[in-house]
Amino acid sequence: RDNAKNTVYLQLTSLKPEDTAVYYCAFRPAIWMGD
């Protein structure tokens, strides 16, 4: 993530056919809570 740009990234490598999907980002205005 780059907080100055309010942007999060996901680098996908070694892609497989089973990775085919619609990818969504999501926002949670709270502290980290592990799993």
All heavy atoms as atom14 arrays in JSON, in Angstrom:
{
  "sequence": "RDNAKNTVYLQLTSLKPEDTAVYYCAFRPAIWMGD",
  "atom14_mask": [
    [1, 1, 1, 1, 1, 1, 1, 1, 1, 1, 1, 0, 0, 0],
    [1, 1, 1, 1, 1, 1, 1, 1, 0, 0, 0, 0, 0, 0],
    [1, 1, 1, 1, 1, 1, 1, 1, 0, 0, 0, 0, 0, 0],
    [1, 1, 1, 1, 1, 0, 0, 0, 0, 0, 0, 0, 0, 0],
    [1, 1, 1, 1, 1, 1, 1, 1, 1, 0, 0, 0, 0, 0],
    [1, 1, 1, 1, 1, 1, 1, 1, 0, 0, 0, 0, 0, 0],
    [1, 1, 1, 1, 1, 1, 1, 0, 0, 0, 0, 0, 0, 0],
    [1, 1, 1, 1, 1, 1, 1, 0, 0, 0, 0, 0, 0, 0],
    [1, 1, 1, 1, 1, 1, 1, 1, 1, 1, 1, 1, 0, 0],
    [1, 1, 1, 1, 1, 1, 1, 1, 0, 0, 0, 0, 0, 0],
    [1, 1, 1, 1, 1, 1, 1, 1, 1, 0, 0, 0, 0, 0],
    [1, 1, 1, 1, 1, 1, 1, 1, 0, 0, 0, 0, 0, 0],
    [1, 1, 1, 1, 1, 1, 1, 0, 0, 0, 0, 0, 0, 0],
    [1, 1, 1, 1, 1, 1, 0, 0, 0, 0, 0, 0, 0, 0],
    [1, 1, 1, 1, 1, 1, 1, 1, 0, 0, 0, 0, 0, 0],
    [1, 1, 1, 1, 1, 1, 1, 1, 1, 0, 0, 0, 0, 0],
    [1, 1, 1, 1, 1, 1, 1, 0, 0, 0, 0, 0, 0, 0],
    [1, 1, 1, 1, 1, 1, 1, 1, 1, 0, 0, 0, 0, 0],
    [1, 1, 1, 1, 1, 1, 1, 1, 0, 0, 0, 0, 0, 0],
    [1, 1, 1, 1, 1, 1, 1, 0, 0, 0, 0, 0, 0, 0],
    [1, 1, 1, 1, 1, 0, 0, 0, 0, 0, 0, 0, 0, 0],
    [1, 1, 1, 1, 1, 1, 1, 0, 0, 0, 0, 0, 0, 0],
    [1, 1, 1, 1, 1, 1, 1, 1, 1, 1, 1, 1, 0, 0],
    [1, 1, 1, 1, 1, 1, 1, 1, 1, 1, 1, 1, 0, 0],
    [1, 1, 1, 1, 1, 1, 0, 0, 0, 0, 0, 0, 0, 0],
    [1, 1, 1, 1, 1, 0, 0, 0, 0, 0, 0, 0, 0, 0],
    [1, 1, 1, 1, 1, 1, 1, 1, 1, 1, 1, 0, 0, 0],
    [1, 1, 1, 1, 1, 1, 1, 1, 1, 1, 1, 0, 0, 0],
    [1, 1, 1, 1, 1, 1, 1, 0, 0, 0, 0, 0, 0, 0],
    [1, 1, 1, 1, 1, 0, 0, 0, 0, 0, 0, 0, 0, 0],
    [1, 1, 1, 1, 1, 1, 1, 1, 0, 0, 0, 0, 0, 0],
    [1, 1, 1, 1, 1, 1, 1, 1, 1, 1, 1, 1, 1, 1],
    [1, 1, 1, 1, 1, 1, 1, 1, 0, 0, 0, 0, 0, 0],
    [1, 1, 1, 1, 0, 0, 0, 0, 0, 0, 0, 0, 0, 0],
    [1, 1, 1, 1, 1, 1, 1, 1, 0, 0, 0, 0, 0, 0]
  ],
  "atom14_positions": [
    [[0.83, -1.2, 0.0], [0.0, 0.0, 0.0], [0.86, 1.24, 0.0], [2.0, 1.23, 0.49], [-0.98, 0.0, 1.18], [-0.33, 0.08, 2.54], [-1.35, -0.18, 3.64], [-2.38, 0.86, 3.69], [-3.53, 0.75, 4.35], [-3.8, -0.37, 5.01], [-4.4, 1.73, 4.35], [0.0, 0.0, 0.0], [0.0, 0.0, 0.0], [0.0, 0.0, 0.0]],
    [[0.3, 2.33, -0.51], [0.91, 3.64, -0.48], [-0.12, 4.57, 0.16], [-1.07, 5.01, -0.5], [1.26, 4.09, -1.9], [1.98, 5.43, -1.93], [1.86, 6.2, -0.96], [2.64, 5.72, -2.94], [0.0, 0.0, 0.0], [0.0, 0.0, 0.0], [0.0, 0.0, 0.0], [0.0, 0.0, 0.0], [0.0, 0.0, 0.0], [0.0, 0.0, 0.0]],
    [[0.05, 4.86, 1.43], [-0.95, 5.64, 2.16], [-1.02, 7.08, 1.66], [-2.08, 7.71, 1.75], [-0.67, 5.6, 3.65], [-0.92, 4.23, 4.25], [-1.69, 3.44, 3.69], [-0.29, 3.92, 5.36], [0.0, 0.0, 0.0], [0.0, 0.0, 0.0], [0.0, 0.0, 0.0], [0.0, 0.0, 0.0], [0.0, 0.0, 0.0], [0.0, 0.0, 0.0]],
    [[0.06, 7.6, 1.17], [0.05, 8.96, 0.63], [-0.88, 9.06, -0.57], [-1.44, 10.12, -0.86], [1.45, 9.39, 0.26], [0.0, 0.0, 0.0], [0.0, 0.0, 0.0], [0.0, 0.0, 0.0], [0.0, 0.0, 0.0], [0.0, 0.0, 0.0], [0.0, 0.0, 0.0], [0.0, 0.0, 0.0], [0.0, 0.0, 0.0], [0.0, 0.0, 0.0]],
    [[-1.04, 7.95, -1.29], [-1.9, 7.91, -2.46], [-3.23, 7.22, -2.18], [-4.05, 7.06, -3.09], [-1.19, 7.18, -3.6], [0.07, 7.87, -4.1], [0.7, 7.1, -5.24], [1.95, 7.79, -5.75], [2.6, 7.04, -6.86], [0.0, 0.0, 0.0], [0.0, 0.0, 0.0], [0.0, 0.0, 0.0], [0.0, 0.0, 0.0], [0.0, 0.0, 0.0]],
    [[-3.44, 6.78, -0.94], [-4.66, 6.04, -0.59], [-4.88, 4.88, -1.56], [-6.0, 4.66, -2.04], [-5.88, 6.96, -0.59], [-5.88, 7.89, 0.6], [-5.38, 7.55, 1.67], [-6.42, 9.08, 0.42], [0.0, 0.0, 0.0], [0.0, 0.0, 0.0], [0.0, 0.0, 0.0], [0.0, 0.0, 0.0], [0.0, 0.0, 0.0], [0.0, 0.0, 0.0]],
    [[-3.82, 4.17, -1.85], [-3.88, 3.11, -2.85], [-3.27, 1.83, -2.3], [-2.24, 1.87, -1.61], [-3.13, 3.52, -4.13], [-3.76, 4.7, -4.67], [-3.18, 2.42, -5.18], [0.0, 0.0, 0.0], [0.0, 0.0, 0.0], [0.0, 0.0, 0.0], [0.0, 0.0, 0.0], [0.0, 0.0, 0.0], [0.0, 0.0, 0.0], [0.0, 0.0, 0.0]],
    [[-3.92, 0.72, -2.59], [-3.4, -0.59, -2.23], [-3.16, -1.37, -3.53], [-3.88, -1.19, -4.51], [-4.37, -1.34, -1.29], [-5.7, -1.62, -1.96], [-3.75, -2.62, -0.79], [0.0, 0.0, 0.0], [0.0, 0.0, 0.0], [0.0, 0.0, 0.0], [0.0, 0.0, 0.0], [0.0, 0.0, 0.0], [0.0, 0.0, 0.0], [0.0, 0.0, 0.0]],
    [[-2.15, -2.19, -3.51], [-1.76, -2.95, -4.7], [-1.78, -4.45, -4.4], [-1.6, -4.87, -3.26], [-0.34, -2.55, -5.14], [-0.16, -1.09, -5.37], [0.38, -0.26, -4.38], [-0.54, -0.5, -6.58], [0.54, 1.1, -4.58], [-0.38, 0.86, -6.79], [0.15, 1.65, -5.79], [0.3, 3.0, -6.0], [0.0, 0.0, 0.0], [0.0, 0.0, 0.0]],
    [[-1.98, -5.22, -5.43], [-1.85, -6.67, -5.33], [-1.03, -7.14, -6.53], [-1.5, -7.05, -7.66], [-3.21, -7.36, -5.31], [-3.16, -8.86, -5.03], [-2.68, -9.14, -3.6], [-4.53, -9.5, -5.26], [0.0, 0.0, 0.0], [0.0, 0.0, 0.0], [0.0, 0.0, 0.0], [0.0, 0.0, 0.0], [0.0, 0.0, 0.0], [0.0, 0.0, 0.0]],
    [[0.19, -7.57, -6.26], [1.05, -8.11, -7.31], [0.78, -9.6, -7.43], [0.93, -10.34, -6.46], [2.52, -7.87, -6.97], [3.49, -8.39, -8.0], [3.48, -7.57, -9.28], [3.48, -6.35, -9.25], [3.47, -8.25, -10.41], [0.0, 0.0, 0.0], [0.0, 0.0, 0.0], [0.0, 0.0, 0.0], [0.0, 0.0, 0.0], [0.0, 0.0, 0.0]],
    [[0.38, -10.01, -8.63], [0.05, -11.41, -8.89], [1.14, -11.99, -9.77], [1.41, -11.46, -10.85], [-1.29, -11.54, -9.61], [-2.59, -11.23, -8.89], [-2.7, -9.77, -8.49], [-3.78, -11.61, -9.74], [0.0, 0.0, 0.0], [0.0, 0.0, 0.0], [0.0, 0.0, 0.0], [0.0, 0.0, 0.0], [0.0, 0.0, 0.0], [0.0, 0.0, 0.0]],
    [[1.79, -13.04, -9.32], [2.82, -13.7, -10.1], [2.53, -15.2, -10.17], [1.7, -15.7, -9.42], [4.22, -13.47, -9.51], [4.28, -14.05, -8.2], [4.55, -11.99, -9.42], [0.0, 0.0, 0.0], [0.0, 0.0, 0.0], [0.0, 0.0, 0.0], [0.0, 0.0, 0.0], [0.0, 0.0, 0.0], [0.0, 0.0, 0.0], [0.0, 0.0, 0.0]],
    [[3.23, -15.87, -11.08], [3.04, -17.31, -11.27], [1.56, -17.66, -11.34], [1.08, -18.6, -10.69], [3.71, -18.09, -10.11], [5.08, -17.8, -10.05], [0.0, 0.0, 0.0], [0.0, 0.0, 0.0], [0.0, 0.0, 0.0], [0.0, 0.0, 0.0], [0.0, 0.0, 0.0], [0.0, 0.0, 0.0], [0.0, 0.0, 0.0], [0.0, 0.0, 0.0]],
    [[0.85, -16.91, -12.15], [-0.6, -17.08, -12.22], [-1.0, -18.43, -12.77], [-0.32, -18.98, -13.66], [-1.21, -15.96, -13.05], [-1.35, -14.63, -12.28], [-1.52, -13.47, -13.24], [-2.52, -14.71, -11.32], [0.0, 0.0, 0.0], [0.0, 0.0, 0.0], [0.0, 0.0, 0.0], [0.0, 0.0, 0.0], [0.0, 0.0, 0.0], [0.0, 0.0, 0.0]],
    [[-2.11, -18.94, -12.26], [-2.65, -20.23, -12.67], [-4.07, -20.02, -13.2], [-4.74, -19.06, -12.8], [-2.7, -21.18, -11.47], [-1.37, -21.36, -10.76], [-1.56, -22.21, -9.51], [-0.26, -22.39, -8.75], [-0.44, -23.2, -7.52], [0.0, 0.0, 0.0], [0.0, 0.0, 0.0], [0.0, 0.0, 0.0], [0.0, 0.0, 0.0], [0.0, 0.0, 0.0]],
    [[-4.55, -20.92, -14.04], [-5.93, -20.78, -14.53], [-6.95, -20.69, -13.39], [-7.95, -19.97, -13.52], [-6.12, -22.05, -15.36], [-4.76, -22.38, -15.86], [-3.84, -22.01, -14.74], [0.0, 0.0, 0.0], [0.0, 0.0, 0.0], [0.0, 0.0, 0.0], [0.0, 0.0, 0.0], [0.0, 0.0, 0.0], [0.0, 0.0, 0.0], [0.0, 0.0, 0.0]],
    [[-6.69, -21.35, -12.29], [-7.62, -21.29, -11.16], [-7.62, -19.95, -10.44], [-8.45, -19.73, -9.54], [-7.34, -22.42, -10.16], [-5.9, -22.54, -9.71], [-5.13, -23.57, -10.51], [-5.27, -23.61, -11.75], [-4.34, -24.32, -9.88], [0.0, 0.0, 0.0], [0.0, 0.0, 0.0], [0.0, 0.0, 0.0], [0.0, 0.0, 0.0], [0.0, 0.0, 0.0]],
    [[-6.74, -19.05, -10.82], [-6.76, -17.69, -10.27], [-7.75, -16.8, -11.03], [-7.97, -15.65, -10.63], [-5.37, -17.05, -10.36], [-4.35, -17.72, -9.47], [-4.69, -18.05, -8.32], [-3.2, -17.92, -9.92], [0.0, 0.0, 0.0], [0.0, 0.0, 0.0], [0.0, 0.0, 0.0], [0.0, 0.0, 0.0], [0.0, 0.0, 0.0], [0.0, 0.0, 0.0]],
    [[-8.33, -17.32, -12.09], [-9.3, -16.56, -12.86], [-10.5, -16.2, -12.0], [-11.12, -17.08, -11.38], [-9.76, -17.36, -14.09], [-8.65, -17.54, -14.97], [-10.89, -16.65, -14.82], [0.0, 0.0, 0.0], [0.0, 0.0, 0.0], [0.0, 0.0, 0.0], [0.0, 0.0, 0.0], [0.0, 0.0, 0.0], [0.0, 0.0, 0.0], [0.0, 0.0, 0.0]],
    [[-10.8, -14.92, -11.93], [-11.89, -14.44, -11.08], [-12.02, -12.93, -11.24], [-11.15, -12.28, -11.84], [-11.61, -14.77, -9.61], [0.0, 0.0, 0.0], [0.0, 0.0, 0.0], [0.0, 0.0, 0.0], [0.0, 0.0, 0.0], [0.0, 0.0, 0.0], [0.0, 0.0, 0.0], [0.0, 0.0, 0.0], [0.0, 0.0, 0.0], [0.0, 0.0, 0.0]],
    [[-13.08, -12.4, -10.69], [-13.18, -10.95, -10.5], [-12.56, -10.64, -9.14], [-12.91, -11.25, -8.14], [-14.64, -10.46, -10.55], [-14.7, -8.96, -10.28], [-15.27, -10.8, -11.89], [0.0, 0.0, 0.0], [0.0, 0.0, 0.0], [0.0, 0.0, 0.0], [0.0, 0.0, 0.0], [0.0, 0.0, 0.0], [0.0, 0.0, 0.0], [0.0, 0.0, 0.0]],
    [[-11.62, -9.7, -9.14], [-10.92, -9.33, -7.92], [-11.5, -8.03, -7.38], [-11.62, -7.04, -8.11], [-9.43, -9.19, -8.19], [-8.74, -10.53, -8.32], [-8.98, -11.36, -9.42], [-7.87, -10.99, -7.34], [-8.37, -12.6, -9.53], [-7.25, -12.23, -7.44], [-7.5, -13.02, -8.54], [-6.89, -14.26, -8.64], [0.0, 0.0, 0.0], [0.0, 0.0, 0.0]],
    [[-11.81, -8.04, -6.09], [-12.41, -6.89, -5.42], [-11.5, -6.4, -4.3], [-10.95, -7.21, -3.56], [-13.75, -7.26, -4.79], [-14.8, -7.74, -5.76], [-14.91, -9.08, -6.09], [-15.7, -6.84, -6.34], [-15.87, -9.53, -6.97], [-16.67, -7.28, -7.22], [-16.75, -8.63, -7.53], [-17.72, -9.06, -8.4], [0.0, 0.0, 0.0], [0.0, 0.0, 0.0]],
    [[-11.4, -5.09, -4.17], [-10.74, -4.58, -2.97], [-11.81, -4.16, -1.97], [-12.95, -3.89, -2.34], [-9.79, -3.43, -3.29], [-10.56, -1.94, -3.9], [0.0, 0.0, 0.0], [0.0, 0.0, 0.0], [0.0, 0.0, 0.0], [0.0, 0.0, 0.0], [0.0, 0.0, 0.0], [0.0, 0.0, 0.0], [0.0, 0.0, 0.0], [0.0, 0.0, 0.0]],
    [[-11.42, -4.13, -0.72], [-12.37, -3.87, 0.36], [-11.69, -3.02, 1.44], [-10.48, -3.07, 1.62], [-12.86, -5.18, 0.95], [0.0, 0.0, 0.0], [0.0, 0.0, 0.0], [0.0, 0.0, 0.0], [0.0, 0.0, 0.0], [0.0, 0.0, 0.0], [0.0, 0.0, 0.0], [0.0, 0.0, 0.0], [0.0, 0.0, 0.0], [0.0, 0.0, 0.0]],
    [[-12.53, -2.26, 2.15], [-12.07, -1.25, 3.1], [-12.64, -1.54, 4.48], [-13.84, -1.83, 4.63], [-12.55, 0.11, 2.59], [-12.32, 1.26, 3.52], [-11.16, 2.0, 3.44], [-13.29, 1.64, 4.43], [-10.96, 3.08, 4.27], [-13.1, 2.72, 5.26], [-11.93, 3.45, 5.19], [0.0, 0.0, 0.0], [0.0, 0.0, 0.0], [0.0, 0.0, 0.0]],
    [[-11.78, -1.44, 5.46], [-12.22, -1.68, 6.83], [-11.61, -0.6, 7.73], [-10.4, -0.62, 7.98], [-11.74, -3.06, 7.28], [-11.93, -3.37, 8.72], [-11.52, -4.81, 9.02], [-11.02, -4.94, 10.36], [-11.76, -4.87, 11.45], [-13.05, -4.68, 11.35], [-11.22, -4.98, 12.64], [0.0, 0.0, 0.0], [0.0, 0.0, 0.0], [0.0, 0.0, 0.0]],
    [[-12.43, 0.34, 8.21], [-11.91, 1.46, 9.0], [-11.7, 1.07, 10.45], [-12.39, 1.54, 11.34], [-13.02, 2.51, 8.86], [-14.26, 1.7, 8.74], [-13.88, 0.47, 7.97], [0.0, 0.0, 0.0], [0.0, 0.0, 0.0], [0.0, 0.0, 0.0], [0.0, 0.0, 0.0], [0.0, 0.0, 0.0], [0.0, 0.0, 0.0], [0.0, 0.0, 0.0]],
    [[-10.75, 0.21, 10.68], [-10.52, -0.27, 12.05], [-9.11, -0.83, 12.14], [-8.38, -0.9, 11.16], [-11.55, -1.33, 12.41], [0.0, 0.0, 0.0], [0.0, 0.0, 0.0], [0.0, 0.0, 0.0], [0.0, 0.0, 0.0], [0.0, 0.0, 0.0], [0.0, 0.0, 0.0], [0.0, 0.0, 0.0], [0.0, 0.0, 0.0], [0.0, 0.0, 0.0]],
    [[-8.76, -1.23, 13.35], [-7.42, -1.75, 13.58], [-7.31, -3.19, 13.06], [-8.32, -3.85, 12.83], [-7.05, -1.69, 15.07], [-8.02, -2.57, 15.89], [-7.06, -0.26, 15.56], [-7.62, -2.7, 17.34], [0.0, 0.0, 0.0], [0.0, 0.0, 0.0], [0.0, 0.0, 0.0], [0.0, 0.0, 0.0], [0.0, 0.0, 0.0], [0.0, 0.0, 0.0]],
    [[-6.1, -3.62, 12.94], [-5.81, -4.97, 12.48], [-6.3, -5.98, 13.52], [-6.1, -5.81, 14.7], [-4.29, -5.1, 12.31], [-3.84, -6.39, 11.76], [-3.27, -7.44, 12.43], [-3.89, -6.81, 10.38], [-2.96, -8.46, 11.58], [-3.34, -8.1, 10.31], [-4.37, -6.21, 9.21], [-3.23, -8.8, 9.11], [-4.26, -6.9, 8.02], [-3.69, -8.18, 7.98]],
    [[-6.95, -7.02, 13.01], [-7.47, -8.04, 13.92], [-7.13, -9.43, 13.43], [-7.98, -10.34, 13.46], [-8.99, -7.86, 14.08], [-9.37, -6.58, 14.78], [-11.14, -6.41, 15.03], [-11.44, -7.69, 16.25], [0.0, 0.0, 0.0], [0.0, 0.0, 0.0], [0.0, 0.0, 0.0], [0.0, 0.0, 0.0], [0.0, 0.0, 0.0], [0.0, 0.0, 0.0]],
    [[-5.9, -9.6, 12.96], [-5.41, -10.92, 12.63], [-6.26, -11.66, 11.61], [-6.68, -11.1, 10.6], [0.0, 0.0, 0.0], [0.0, 0.0, 0.0], [0.0, 0.0, 0.0], [0.0, 0.0, 0.0], [0.0, 0.0, 0.0], [0.0, 0.0, 0.0], [0.0, 0.0, 0.0], [0.0, 0.0, 0.0], [0.0, 0.0, 0.0], [0.0, 0.0, 0.0]],
    [[-6.53, -12.93, 11.9], [-7.24, -13.78, 10.96], [-8.66, -13.3, 10.66], [-9.26, -13.71, 9.66], [-7.3, -15.21, 11.48], [-6.02, -15.98, 11.18], [-5.11, -15.38, 10.55], [-5.92, -17.15, 11.54], [0.0, 0.0, 0.0], [0.0, 0.0, 0.0], [0.0, 0.0, 0.0], [0.0, 0.0, 0.0], [0.0, 0.0, 0.0], [0.0, 0.0, 0.0]]
  ]
}
